[in-house]
N, C-alpha and C. Protein backbone atom coordinates (compact mmCIF):
# COMPACT_ATOMS: atom_id res chain seq x y z
N UNK A 1 -13.56 15.72 4.98
CA UNK A 1 -12.34 15.05 5.41
C UNK A 1 -11.18 16.01 5.22
N UNK A 2 -10.31 16.06 6.23
CA UNK A 2 -9.08 16.84 6.09
C UNK A 2 -8.23 16.25 4.98
N UNK A 3 -7.10 16.86 4.71
CA UNK A 3 -6.20 16.33 3.69
C UNK A 3 -5.94 14.86 3.97
N UNK A 4 -6.09 14.00 2.98
CA UNK A 4 -5.89 12.57 3.21
C UNK A 4 -4.42 12.24 3.42
N UNK A 5 -4.19 11.05 3.90
CA UNK A 5 -2.83 10.57 4.13
C UNK A 5 -2.67 9.25 3.41
N UNK A 6 -1.48 9.01 2.92
CA UNK A 6 -1.18 7.78 2.21
C UNK A 6 0.14 7.23 2.72
N UNK A 7 0.17 5.95 3.07
CA UNK A 7 1.40 5.29 3.49
C UNK A 7 1.44 3.89 2.91
N UNK A 8 2.64 3.38 2.78
CA UNK A 8 2.85 1.97 2.48
C UNK A 8 3.62 1.40 3.66
N UNK A 9 3.14 0.29 4.17
CA UNK A 9 3.76 -0.38 5.31
C UNK A 9 4.23 -1.75 4.83
N UNK A 10 5.51 -2.04 5.04
CA UNK A 10 6.08 -3.29 4.55
C UNK A 10 6.72 -4.09 5.67
N UNK A 11 6.78 -5.39 5.46
CA UNK A 11 7.40 -6.33 6.38
C UNK A 11 8.90 -6.06 6.41
N UNK A 12 9.42 -5.70 7.57
CA UNK A 12 10.84 -5.35 7.66
C UNK A 12 11.75 -6.57 7.79
N UNK A 13 11.17 -7.77 7.70
CA UNK A 13 11.99 -8.97 7.79
C UNK A 13 12.32 -9.58 6.43
N UNK A 14 11.75 -9.04 5.38
CA UNK A 14 12.02 -9.58 4.04
C UNK A 14 13.17 -8.83 3.39
N UNK A 15 13.76 -9.43 2.41
CA UNK A 15 14.88 -8.80 1.70
C UNK A 15 14.43 -7.63 0.85
N UNK A 16 15.43 -6.89 0.38
CA UNK A 16 15.17 -5.67 -0.40
C UNK A 16 14.41 -5.96 -1.69
N UNK A 17 14.62 -7.12 -2.29
CA UNK A 17 13.92 -7.46 -3.52
C UNK A 17 12.43 -7.59 -3.31
N UNK A 18 12.03 -8.37 -2.30
CA UNK A 18 10.61 -8.54 -1.99
C UNK A 18 10.00 -7.24 -1.52
N UNK A 19 10.75 -6.49 -0.72
CA UNK A 19 10.26 -5.21 -0.22
C UNK A 19 10.00 -4.26 -1.39
N UNK A 20 10.93 -4.16 -2.30
CA UNK A 20 10.77 -3.28 -3.47
C UNK A 20 9.59 -3.71 -4.32
N UNK A 21 9.44 -5.02 -4.52
CA UNK A 21 8.33 -5.53 -5.31
C UNK A 21 7.00 -5.19 -4.66
N UNK A 22 6.92 -5.37 -3.34
CA UNK A 22 5.68 -5.05 -2.63
C UNK A 22 5.34 -3.57 -2.77
N UNK A 23 6.32 -2.70 -2.61
CA UNK A 23 6.08 -1.26 -2.73
C UNK A 23 5.61 -0.91 -4.14
N UNK A 24 6.22 -1.49 -5.16
CA UNK A 24 5.81 -1.20 -6.53
C UNK A 24 4.38 -1.64 -6.79
N UNK A 25 4.03 -2.84 -6.39
CA UNK A 25 2.68 -3.36 -6.61
C UNK A 25 1.65 -2.52 -5.86
N UNK A 26 1.93 -2.23 -4.60
CA UNK A 26 0.98 -1.45 -3.80
C UNK A 26 0.82 -0.04 -4.36
N UNK A 27 1.90 0.57 -4.80
CA UNK A 27 1.84 1.93 -5.37
C UNK A 27 0.98 1.97 -6.62
N UNK A 28 1.19 1.01 -7.51
CA UNK A 28 0.40 0.99 -8.74
C UNK A 28 -1.08 0.77 -8.45
N UNK A 29 -1.38 -0.09 -7.50
CA UNK A 29 -2.77 -0.38 -7.19
C UNK A 29 -3.44 0.82 -6.52
N UNK A 30 -2.73 1.48 -5.61
CA UNK A 30 -3.27 2.71 -5.02
C UNK A 30 -3.53 3.77 -6.09
N UNK A 31 -2.61 3.89 -7.06
CA UNK A 31 -2.79 4.84 -8.15
C UNK A 31 -4.00 4.51 -9.01
N UNK A 32 -4.27 3.23 -9.20
CA UNK A 32 -5.45 2.82 -9.96
C UNK A 32 -6.72 3.17 -9.18
N UNK A 33 -6.71 2.89 -7.88
CA UNK A 33 -7.89 3.18 -7.06
C UNK A 33 -8.15 4.67 -6.91
N UNK A 34 -7.08 5.45 -6.87
CA UNK A 34 -7.19 6.89 -6.63
C UNK A 34 -6.36 7.66 -7.66
N UNK A 35 -6.84 7.73 -8.90
CA UNK A 35 -6.07 8.40 -9.93
C UNK A 35 -5.82 9.88 -9.65
N UNK A 36 -6.63 10.48 -8.77
CA UNK A 36 -6.43 11.88 -8.41
C UNK A 36 -5.16 12.09 -7.59
N UNK A 37 -4.55 11.01 -7.11
CA UNK A 37 -3.27 11.13 -6.39
C UNK A 37 -2.15 11.57 -7.32
N UNK A 38 -2.29 11.26 -8.60
CA UNK A 38 -1.23 11.56 -9.56
C UNK A 38 -1.52 12.91 -10.23
N UNK A 39 -0.51 13.77 -10.18
CA UNK A 39 -0.63 15.09 -10.77
C UNK A 39 -0.58 15.06 -12.29
N UNK A 40 -0.86 16.20 -12.87
CA UNK A 40 -0.84 16.31 -14.32
C UNK A 40 0.61 16.29 -14.82
N UNK A 41 0.75 15.97 -16.11
CA UNK A 41 2.07 16.03 -16.73
C UNK A 41 2.55 17.48 -16.70
N UNK A 42 3.86 17.65 -16.51
CA UNK A 42 4.44 18.99 -16.39
C UNK A 42 5.58 19.19 -17.38
N UNK A 43 5.67 20.41 -17.94
CA UNK A 43 6.75 20.68 -18.89
C UNK A 43 8.03 21.12 -18.17
N UNK A 44 9.17 20.79 -18.78
CA UNK A 44 10.42 21.38 -18.31
C UNK A 44 10.65 22.68 -19.09
N UNK A 45 11.80 23.30 -18.92
CA UNK A 45 12.06 24.60 -19.55
C UNK A 45 12.01 24.54 -21.07
N UNK A 46 12.26 23.37 -21.66
CA UNK A 46 12.22 23.25 -23.12
C UNK A 46 10.82 22.94 -23.64
N UNK A 47 9.88 22.70 -22.72
CA UNK A 47 8.52 22.36 -23.12
C UNK A 47 8.26 20.86 -23.17
N UNK A 48 9.30 20.06 -22.97
CA UNK A 48 9.14 18.61 -22.97
C UNK A 48 8.34 18.20 -21.73
N UNK A 49 7.31 17.37 -21.94
CA UNK A 49 6.44 16.95 -20.83
C UNK A 49 7.05 15.78 -20.06
N UNK A 50 6.86 15.86 -18.75
CA UNK A 50 7.26 14.79 -17.85
C UNK A 50 6.00 14.28 -17.16
N UNK A 51 5.89 12.96 -17.07
CA UNK A 51 4.69 12.36 -16.49
C UNK A 51 4.45 12.88 -15.08
N UNK A 52 3.19 13.04 -14.74
CA UNK A 52 2.82 13.50 -13.41
C UNK A 52 3.24 12.52 -12.34
N UNK A 53 3.59 13.04 -11.20
CA UNK A 53 3.98 12.24 -10.05
C UNK A 53 2.92 12.37 -8.96
N UNK A 54 3.04 11.58 -7.93
CA UNK A 54 2.09 11.64 -6.83
C UNK A 54 2.10 13.04 -6.21
N UNK A 55 0.93 13.53 -5.86
CA UNK A 55 0.79 14.90 -5.34
C UNK A 55 1.09 15.02 -3.85
N UNK A 56 1.03 13.93 -3.12
CA UNK A 56 1.25 13.99 -1.67
C UNK A 56 2.44 13.10 -1.32
N UNK A 57 2.91 13.24 -0.09
CA UNK A 57 4.02 12.38 0.32
C UNK A 57 3.53 10.95 0.46
N UNK A 58 4.44 10.02 0.26
CA UNK A 58 4.12 8.60 0.35
C UNK A 58 5.23 7.89 1.11
N UNK A 59 5.21 7.98 2.44
CA UNK A 59 6.25 7.31 3.20
C UNK A 59 6.11 5.79 3.11
N UNK A 60 7.25 5.13 3.09
CA UNK A 60 7.30 3.67 3.14
C UNK A 60 7.81 3.31 4.53
N UNK A 61 6.96 2.65 5.29
CA UNK A 61 7.21 2.40 6.70
C UNK A 61 7.49 0.92 6.95
N UNK A 62 8.35 0.66 7.93
CA UNK A 62 8.72 -0.71 8.28
C UNK A 62 7.88 -1.21 9.43
N UNK A 63 7.45 -2.47 9.32
CA UNK A 63 6.66 -3.11 10.37
C UNK A 63 7.08 -4.56 10.50
N UNK A 64 6.86 -5.11 11.66
CA UNK A 64 7.07 -6.54 11.86
C UNK A 64 5.88 -7.28 11.26
N UNK A 65 6.02 -8.57 11.01
CA UNK A 65 4.86 -9.34 10.53
C UNK A 65 3.65 -9.22 11.46
N UNK A 66 3.88 -9.23 12.78
CA UNK A 66 2.77 -9.10 13.72
C UNK A 66 2.11 -7.73 13.63
N UNK A 67 2.91 -6.67 13.43
CA UNK A 67 2.33 -5.34 13.28
C UNK A 67 1.48 -5.26 12.02
N UNK A 68 1.93 -5.92 10.95
CA UNK A 68 1.13 -5.94 9.71
C UNK A 68 -0.21 -6.64 9.95
N UNK A 69 -0.19 -7.73 10.69
CA UNK A 69 -1.44 -8.42 11.02
C UNK A 69 -2.38 -7.49 11.77
N UNK A 70 -1.84 -6.79 12.77
CA UNK A 70 -2.66 -5.86 13.55
C UNK A 70 -3.23 -4.74 12.68
N UNK A 71 -2.39 -4.17 11.82
CA UNK A 71 -2.84 -3.09 10.94
C UNK A 71 -3.92 -3.59 9.99
N UNK A 72 -3.72 -4.78 9.43
CA UNK A 72 -4.72 -5.35 8.52
C UNK A 72 -6.06 -5.54 9.22
N UNK A 73 -6.02 -6.01 10.45
CA UNK A 73 -7.27 -6.19 11.21
C UNK A 73 -7.94 -4.86 11.49
N UNK A 74 -7.16 -3.87 11.94
CA UNK A 74 -7.73 -2.54 12.19
C UNK A 74 -8.33 -1.96 10.92
N UNK A 75 -7.58 -2.08 9.83
CA UNK A 75 -8.04 -1.53 8.55
C UNK A 75 -9.32 -2.22 8.08
N UNK A 76 -9.42 -3.51 8.34
CA UNK A 76 -10.61 -4.26 7.95
C UNK A 76 -11.86 -3.82 8.68
N UNK A 77 -11.69 -3.21 9.85
CA UNK A 77 -12.84 -2.71 10.62
C UNK A 77 -13.18 -1.25 10.29
N UNK A 78 -12.32 -0.58 9.56
CA UNK A 78 -12.54 0.84 9.26
C UNK A 78 -13.60 1.00 8.17
N UNK A 79 -14.37 2.07 8.23
CA UNK A 79 -15.37 2.32 7.18
C UNK A 79 -14.68 2.53 5.82
N UNK A 80 -15.19 1.85 4.81
CA UNK A 80 -14.55 1.92 3.49
C UNK A 80 -14.62 3.31 2.87
N UNK A 81 -15.53 4.16 3.34
CA UNK A 81 -15.58 5.52 2.80
C UNK A 81 -14.53 6.42 3.45
N UNK A 82 -13.84 5.91 4.47
CA UNK A 82 -12.78 6.70 5.14
C UNK A 82 -11.39 6.14 4.90
N UNK A 83 -11.31 4.90 4.39
CA UNK A 83 -10.00 4.26 4.23
C UNK A 83 -10.01 3.27 3.09
N UNK A 84 -9.02 3.40 2.22
CA UNK A 84 -8.77 2.38 1.19
C UNK A 84 -7.57 1.57 1.65
N UNK A 85 -7.67 0.25 1.51
CA UNK A 85 -6.60 -0.65 1.93
C UNK A 85 -6.26 -1.56 0.77
N UNK A 86 -4.98 -1.65 0.48
CA UNK A 86 -4.49 -2.56 -0.55
C UNK A 86 -3.48 -3.48 0.12
N UNK A 87 -3.63 -4.78 -0.07
CA UNK A 87 -2.70 -5.73 0.53
C UNK A 87 -1.89 -6.47 -0.51
N UNK A 88 -0.63 -6.71 -0.19
CA UNK A 88 0.24 -7.55 -1.00
C UNK A 88 0.66 -8.71 -0.11
N UNK A 89 0.11 -9.87 -0.39
CA UNK A 89 0.29 -11.03 0.49
C UNK A 89 1.34 -11.98 -0.07
N UNK A 90 1.69 -12.93 0.79
CA UNK A 90 2.62 -14.00 0.37
C UNK A 90 2.02 -14.76 -0.81
N UNK A 91 0.70 -14.90 -0.84
CA UNK A 91 0.05 -15.58 -1.97
C UNK A 91 0.30 -14.81 -3.27
N UNK A 92 0.16 -13.50 -3.22
CA UNK A 92 0.40 -12.69 -4.43
C UNK A 92 1.84 -12.81 -4.89
N UNK A 93 2.75 -12.88 -3.96
CA UNK A 93 4.17 -13.00 -4.31
C UNK A 93 4.46 -14.37 -4.91
N UNK A 94 3.84 -15.39 -4.38
CA UNK A 94 4.14 -16.78 -4.75
C UNK A 94 3.55 -17.19 -6.10
N UNK A 95 2.31 -16.80 -6.35
CA UNK A 95 1.63 -17.28 -7.55
C UNK A 95 2.17 -16.59 -8.80
N UNK A 96 2.25 -17.35 -9.89
CA UNK A 96 2.88 -16.85 -11.12
C UNK A 96 1.91 -16.28 -12.14
N UNK A 97 0.61 -16.55 -11.96
CA UNK A 97 -0.39 -15.98 -12.86
C UNK A 97 -1.50 -15.36 -12.02
N UNK A 98 -2.22 -14.43 -12.62
CA UNK A 98 -3.32 -13.79 -11.89
C UNK A 98 -4.43 -14.79 -11.58
N UNK A 99 -4.66 -15.74 -12.51
CA UNK A 99 -5.68 -16.76 -12.26
C UNK A 99 -5.30 -17.64 -11.07
N UNK A 100 -4.03 -18.01 -10.97
CA UNK A 100 -3.57 -18.82 -9.83
C UNK A 100 -3.69 -18.02 -8.54
N UNK A 101 -3.37 -16.74 -8.60
CA UNK A 101 -3.52 -15.87 -7.43
C UNK A 101 -4.98 -15.81 -7.01
N UNK A 102 -5.88 -15.61 -7.97
CA UNK A 102 -7.31 -15.52 -7.67
C UNK A 102 -7.81 -16.81 -7.00
N UNK A 103 -7.39 -17.96 -7.51
CA UNK A 103 -7.83 -19.23 -6.95
C UNK A 103 -7.28 -19.44 -5.54
N UNK A 104 -5.99 -19.13 -5.34
CA UNK A 104 -5.38 -19.31 -4.03
C UNK A 104 -5.99 -18.35 -3.00
N UNK A 105 -6.23 -17.13 -3.41
CA UNK A 105 -6.82 -16.15 -2.51
C UNK A 105 -8.24 -16.57 -2.11
N UNK A 106 -9.01 -17.05 -3.07
CA UNK A 106 -10.38 -17.47 -2.79
C UNK A 106 -10.43 -18.63 -1.79
N UNK A 107 -9.36 -19.41 -1.71
CA UNK A 107 -9.32 -20.56 -0.81
C UNK A 107 -8.67 -20.23 0.54
N UNK A 108 -8.35 -18.97 0.78
CA UNK A 108 -7.64 -18.57 1.99
C UNK A 108 -8.52 -17.71 2.89
N UNK A 109 -8.60 -18.08 4.13
CA UNK A 109 -9.33 -17.28 5.11
C UNK A 109 -8.57 -15.99 5.39
N UNK A 110 -9.27 -14.88 5.64
CA UNK A 110 -8.59 -13.60 5.89
C UNK A 110 -7.53 -13.66 6.99
N UNK A 111 -7.82 -14.39 8.06
CA UNK A 111 -6.85 -14.48 9.16
C UNK A 111 -5.62 -15.30 8.81
N UNK A 112 -5.66 -16.02 7.69
CA UNK A 112 -4.52 -16.83 7.28
C UNK A 112 -3.62 -16.12 6.28
N UNK A 113 -3.99 -14.91 5.88
CA UNK A 113 -3.16 -14.17 4.94
C UNK A 113 -1.92 -13.64 5.64
N UNK A 114 -0.77 -13.82 5.02
CA UNK A 114 0.48 -13.23 5.52
C UNK A 114 0.83 -12.08 4.59
N UNK A 115 0.73 -10.87 5.10
CA UNK A 115 0.99 -9.69 4.28
C UNK A 115 2.47 -9.35 4.27
N UNK A 116 2.96 -9.04 3.08
CA UNK A 116 4.30 -8.49 2.92
C UNK A 116 4.23 -6.97 2.92
N UNK A 117 3.05 -6.45 2.65
CA UNK A 117 2.86 -5.01 2.66
C UNK A 117 1.40 -4.63 2.56
N UNK A 118 1.12 -3.42 3.05
CA UNK A 118 -0.22 -2.84 2.99
C UNK A 118 -0.10 -1.40 2.52
N UNK A 119 -1.00 -0.98 1.67
CA UNK A 119 -1.12 0.42 1.29
C UNK A 119 -2.38 0.98 1.93
N UNK A 120 -2.24 2.11 2.60
CA UNK A 120 -3.37 2.75 3.27
C UNK A 120 -3.54 4.16 2.72
N UNK A 121 -4.77 4.53 2.40
CA UNK A 121 -5.04 5.87 1.91
C UNK A 121 -6.41 6.30 2.43
N UNK A 122 -6.44 7.49 3.02
CA UNK A 122 -7.72 8.00 3.46
C UNK A 122 -7.60 9.00 4.58
N UNK A 123 -8.57 8.96 5.47
CA UNK A 123 -8.66 9.88 6.58
C UNK A 123 -7.32 9.94 7.34
N UNK A 124 -6.77 11.13 7.44
CA UNK A 124 -5.44 11.33 8.03
C UNK A 124 -5.35 10.75 9.44
N UNK A 125 -6.33 11.03 10.28
CA UNK A 125 -6.30 10.55 11.66
C UNK A 125 -6.36 9.02 11.72
N UNK A 126 -7.17 8.45 10.85
CA UNK A 126 -7.31 7.00 10.82
C UNK A 126 -6.02 6.32 10.37
N UNK A 127 -5.43 6.82 9.28
CA UNK A 127 -4.17 6.26 8.79
C UNK A 127 -3.07 6.44 9.84
N UNK A 128 -3.02 7.61 10.45
CA UNK A 128 -2.01 7.87 11.48
C UNK A 128 -2.19 6.97 12.69
N UNK A 129 -3.42 6.67 13.06
CA UNK A 129 -3.65 5.81 14.21
C UNK A 129 -3.11 4.40 13.97
N UNK A 130 -3.07 3.98 12.72
CA UNK A 130 -2.58 2.64 12.39
C UNK A 130 -1.08 2.60 12.12
N UNK A 131 -0.52 3.72 11.69
CA UNK A 131 0.87 3.69 11.22
C UNK A 131 1.78 4.70 11.89
N UNK A 132 1.24 5.56 12.74
CA UNK A 132 2.00 6.67 13.30
C UNK A 132 3.22 6.28 14.12
N UNK A 133 3.23 5.09 14.70
CA UNK A 133 4.36 4.68 15.53
C UNK A 133 5.47 3.99 14.73
N UNK A 134 5.24 3.80 13.44
CA UNK A 134 6.22 3.09 12.61
C UNK A 134 7.28 4.04 12.06
N UNK A 135 8.45 3.48 11.84
CA UNK A 135 9.57 4.27 11.28
C UNK A 135 9.69 4.03 9.78
N UNK A 136 10.35 4.96 9.12
CA UNK A 136 10.64 4.80 7.70
C UNK A 136 11.54 3.60 7.47
N UNK A 137 11.36 2.95 6.33
CA UNK A 137 12.27 1.88 5.93
C UNK A 137 13.64 2.49 5.72
N UNK A 138 14.66 1.82 6.23
CA UNK A 138 16.04 2.29 6.06
C UNK A 138 16.90 1.20 5.50
């Protein structure tokens, strides 16, 4: 596989608070799934260590709710060895405990999920085919 690509795609109709929350949750989950994305701790001139940051670019892209649905469907058909997908849904935003989230998610059909954001990581061409027409969040 060529150099992988990583993007976060968020619903451009939600406010900055929900958008920021979605980006934070998706970033942490992608980091858990792919710890190699995060570089080693680095020293400054005094020798003080600073925590490692992501090694590749991570654009945050704006999409309409319908575009998110389309991307989620495309991503669901992609081979899991070529693409990792993380979703942050309205259910995840709404529920106050992880147990409540688990129960609500288990009772929801995939086509009924409303995504506030998706994290995509994997094959550059595949990620680009799903997100290449989207613009950066502004």
